Structure formats: C-alpha cells, structure tokens
Amino acid sequence: MMPRSPDQPASLPATIRRQIRSKANVSYLQSLPAFRVDEELPSDIQQMLNAIDAAAAKKSSGREQ
C-alpha cells in the first residue's frame, strides 16, 4: 500500500464530511426544492403489492400440500 501524501485526507469519512460541508455542496442543496414523504402509498401501487402478497401466499400454501 502506498503511503498517503500530506494533502490526502486521513480516511473516507473525513473526505465525505469535507465534501458535504463544502460551500459548493451547501449552495447546491439549498437550490433543490424541498420534498416530502407521503404517509400512504398511491392506491394503484398498494393494489399491486396486495396482489403480490396474495400470489406469494397462494404459492407458499400450495407447496405445503
């Protein structure tokens, strides 16, 4: 393994912290629109998930017989 040069950060976490705190990153993040997480899934996605659950239950109950 090659020795680190004096300008290299000590570790990956230090590099990540430095980049997150950079003025350019802060400016970019502040320019992004705020977003929110919906509490409920849209009905079409919920129906698809229910169908997947039903199919999985049917398949697993068929294996037990």
N, C-alpha and C. Protein backbone atom coordinates (compact mmCIF):
# COMPACT_ATOMS: atom_id res chain seq x y z
N MET A 1 0.84 -1.17 0.00
CA MET A 1 0.00 0.00 0.00
C MET A 1 0.88 1.24 0.00
N MET A 2 0.50 2.19 -0.80
CA MET A 2 1.31 3.40 -0.92
C MET A 2 1.04 4.34 0.26
N PRO A 3 2.07 5.01 0.74
CA PRO A 3 1.85 5.97 1.83
C PRO A 3 1.04 7.16 1.33
N ARG A 4 0.30 7.76 2.24
CA ARG A 4 -0.52 8.92 1.89
C ARG A 4 0.35 10.16 1.75
N SER A 5 -0.02 10.99 0.79
CA SER A 5 0.68 12.27 0.67
C SER A 5 0.07 13.23 1.68
N PRO A 6 0.75 14.30 2.03
CA PRO A 6 0.23 15.22 3.06
C PRO A 6 -1.12 15.85 2.71
N ASP A 7 -1.45 15.95 1.42
CA ASP A 7 -2.71 16.59 1.06
C ASP A 7 -3.88 15.60 1.00
N GLN A 8 -3.63 14.32 1.24
CA GLN A 8 -4.71 13.34 1.24
C GLN A 8 -5.38 13.29 2.60
N PRO A 9 -6.73 13.15 2.62
CA PRO A 9 -7.41 13.05 3.91
C PRO A 9 -7.06 11.73 4.60
N ALA A 10 -7.28 11.71 5.89
CA ALA A 10 -6.91 10.55 6.69
C ALA A 10 -7.81 9.35 6.43
N SER A 11 -9.08 9.59 6.06
CA SER A 11 -9.98 8.47 5.88
C SER A 11 -11.14 8.86 4.98
N LEU A 12 -11.88 7.86 4.55
CA LEU A 12 -13.07 8.10 3.73
C LEU A 12 -14.10 8.94 4.47
N PRO A 13 -14.41 8.65 5.72
CA PRO A 13 -15.37 9.50 6.44
C PRO A 13 -14.96 10.97 6.48
N ALA A 14 -13.66 11.22 6.64
CA ALA A 14 -13.18 12.61 6.66
C ALA A 14 -13.39 13.26 5.30
N THR A 15 -13.17 12.52 4.24
CA THR A 15 -13.39 13.04 2.89
C THR A 15 -14.85 13.37 2.67
N ILE A 16 -15.71 12.47 3.10
CA ILE A 16 -17.16 12.68 2.93
C ILE A 16 -17.61 13.90 3.71
N ARG A 17 -17.17 14.01 4.96
CA ARG A 17 -17.54 15.18 5.77
C ARG A 17 -17.08 16.48 5.12
N ARG A 18 -15.86 16.48 4.60
CA ARG A 18 -15.32 17.67 3.97
C ARG A 18 -16.14 18.05 2.75
N GLN A 19 -16.52 17.08 1.95
CA GLN A 19 -17.30 17.36 0.74
C GLN A 19 -18.72 17.81 1.07
N ILE A 20 -19.32 17.21 2.08
CA ILE A 20 -20.68 17.59 2.47
C ILE A 20 -20.70 19.03 2.97
N ARG A 21 -19.68 19.41 3.68
CA ARG A 21 -19.64 20.76 4.26
C ARG A 21 -19.13 21.81 3.30
N SER A 22 -18.74 21.42 2.10
CA SER A 22 -18.19 22.39 1.16
C SER A 22 -19.23 23.43 0.78
N LYS A 23 -18.75 24.62 0.49
CA LYS A 23 -19.64 25.73 0.14
C LYS A 23 -20.43 25.40 -1.13
N ALA A 24 -19.79 24.75 -2.09
CA ALA A 24 -20.47 24.40 -3.34
C ALA A 24 -21.62 23.42 -3.08
N ASN A 25 -21.39 22.44 -2.24
CA ASN A 25 -22.44 21.45 -1.94
C ASN A 25 -23.59 22.08 -1.18
N VAL A 26 -23.28 22.91 -0.20
CA VAL A 26 -24.33 23.58 0.57
C VAL A 26 -25.18 24.44 -0.36
N SER A 27 -24.53 25.15 -1.25
CA SER A 27 -25.26 26.01 -2.20
C SER A 27 -26.15 25.16 -3.10
N TYR A 28 -25.63 24.05 -3.59
CA TYR A 28 -26.42 23.17 -4.46
C TYR A 28 -27.62 22.61 -3.72
N LEU A 29 -27.42 22.12 -2.52
CA LEU A 29 -28.51 21.53 -1.75
C LEU A 29 -29.59 22.56 -1.41
N GLN A 30 -29.18 23.79 -1.16
CA GLN A 30 -30.15 24.83 -0.87
C GLN A 30 -30.97 25.21 -2.10
N SER A 31 -30.44 24.93 -3.29
CA SER A 31 -31.18 25.25 -4.51
C SER A 31 -32.22 24.19 -4.87
N LEU A 32 -32.13 23.03 -4.26
CA LEU A 32 -33.08 21.96 -4.56
C LEU A 32 -34.44 22.24 -3.92
N PRO A 33 -35.52 21.86 -4.60
CA PRO A 33 -36.83 22.05 -3.99
C PRO A 33 -37.00 21.09 -2.80
N ALA A 34 -37.72 21.54 -1.84
CA ALA A 34 -38.00 20.67 -0.68
C ALA A 34 -38.91 19.53 -1.13
N PHE A 35 -38.80 18.42 -0.49
CA PHE A 35 -39.68 17.30 -0.82
C PHE A 35 -40.28 16.76 0.46
N ARG A 36 -41.35 16.03 0.32
CA ARG A 36 -41.99 15.43 1.47
C ARG A 36 -42.27 13.96 1.16
N VAL A 37 -42.39 13.18 2.20
CA VAL A 37 -42.71 11.77 2.06
C VAL A 37 -44.19 11.60 2.34
N ASP A 38 -44.91 11.00 1.41
CA ASP A 38 -46.32 10.73 1.62
C ASP A 38 -46.47 9.62 2.65
N GLU A 39 -47.46 9.76 3.50
CA GLU A 39 -47.71 8.77 4.54
C GLU A 39 -48.28 7.48 3.95
N GLU A 40 -49.03 7.58 2.86
CA GLU A 40 -49.67 6.41 2.27
C GLU A 40 -49.20 6.22 0.83
N LEU A 41 -49.22 4.97 0.41
CA LEU A 41 -48.89 4.66 -0.98
C LEU A 41 -50.07 5.01 -1.88
N PRO A 42 -49.79 5.36 -3.13
CA PRO A 42 -50.90 5.54 -4.08
C PRO A 42 -51.68 4.23 -4.20
N SER A 43 -52.98 4.33 -4.46
CA SER A 43 -53.84 3.15 -4.45
C SER A 43 -53.42 2.10 -5.47
N ASP A 44 -52.96 2.51 -6.66
CA ASP A 44 -52.56 1.53 -7.67
C ASP A 44 -51.34 0.72 -7.22
N ILE A 45 -50.40 1.38 -6.55
CA ILE A 45 -49.23 0.65 -6.04
C ILE A 45 -49.64 -0.26 -4.89
N GLN A 46 -50.52 0.21 -4.04
CA GLN A 46 -51.00 -0.63 -2.93
C GLN A 46 -51.71 -1.87 -3.46
N GLN A 47 -52.50 -1.71 -4.53
CA GLN A 47 -53.19 -2.85 -5.13
C GLN A 47 -52.19 -3.86 -5.71
N MET A 48 -51.14 -3.36 -6.35
CA MET A 48 -50.11 -4.26 -6.90
C MET A 48 -49.41 -5.02 -5.78
N LEU A 49 -49.08 -4.33 -4.70
CA LEU A 49 -48.43 -5.00 -3.58
C LEU A 49 -49.34 -6.05 -2.94
N ASN A 50 -50.63 -5.73 -2.84
CA ASN A 50 -51.58 -6.71 -2.31
C ASN A 50 -51.66 -7.93 -3.21
N ALA A 51 -51.65 -7.72 -4.53
CA ALA A 51 -51.69 -8.84 -5.48
C ALA A 51 -50.44 -9.71 -5.35
N ILE A 52 -49.29 -9.07 -5.16
CA ILE A 52 -48.04 -9.82 -4.98
C ILE A 52 -48.10 -10.64 -3.70
N ASP A 53 -48.59 -10.02 -2.62
CA ASP A 53 -48.73 -10.75 -1.35
C ASP A 53 -49.67 -11.94 -1.50
N ALA A 54 -50.78 -11.74 -2.19
CA ALA A 54 -51.76 -12.82 -2.38
C ALA A 54 -51.15 -13.96 -3.21
N ALA A 55 -50.42 -13.60 -4.26
CA ALA A 55 -49.79 -14.63 -5.11
C ALA A 55 -48.73 -15.40 -4.33
N ALA A 56 -47.96 -14.69 -3.51
CA ALA A 56 -46.94 -15.36 -2.71
C ALA A 56 -47.57 -16.28 -1.68
N ALA A 57 -48.66 -15.83 -1.07
CA ALA A 57 -49.34 -16.66 -0.08
C ALA A 57 -49.93 -17.90 -0.75
N LYS A 58 -50.51 -17.71 -1.93
CA LYS A 58 -51.10 -18.84 -2.66
C LYS A 58 -50.03 -19.85 -3.04
N LYS A 59 -48.89 -19.36 -3.51
CA LYS A 59 -47.81 -20.25 -3.93
C LYS A 59 -47.23 -20.99 -2.72
N SER A 60 -47.05 -20.31 -1.61
CA SER A 60 -46.48 -20.97 -0.43
C SER A 60 -47.47 -21.96 0.18
N SER A 61 -48.76 -21.69 0.11
CA SER A 61 -49.74 -22.63 0.64
C SER A 61 -49.85 -23.85 -0.29
N GLY A 62 -49.60 -23.67 -1.56
CA GLY A 62 -49.61 -24.78 -2.50
C GLY A 62 -48.45 -25.72 -2.30
N ARG A 63 -47.33 -25.23 -1.81
CA ARG A 63 -46.15 -26.07 -1.56
C ARG A 63 -46.35 -26.94 -0.34
N GLU A 64 -47.14 -26.47 0.61
CA GLU A 64 -47.32 -27.22 1.85
C GLU A 64 -48.18 -28.45 1.65
N GLN A 65 -49.00 -28.48 0.62
CA GLN A 65 -49.91 -29.60 0.43
C GLN A 65 -49.23 -30.80 -0.16
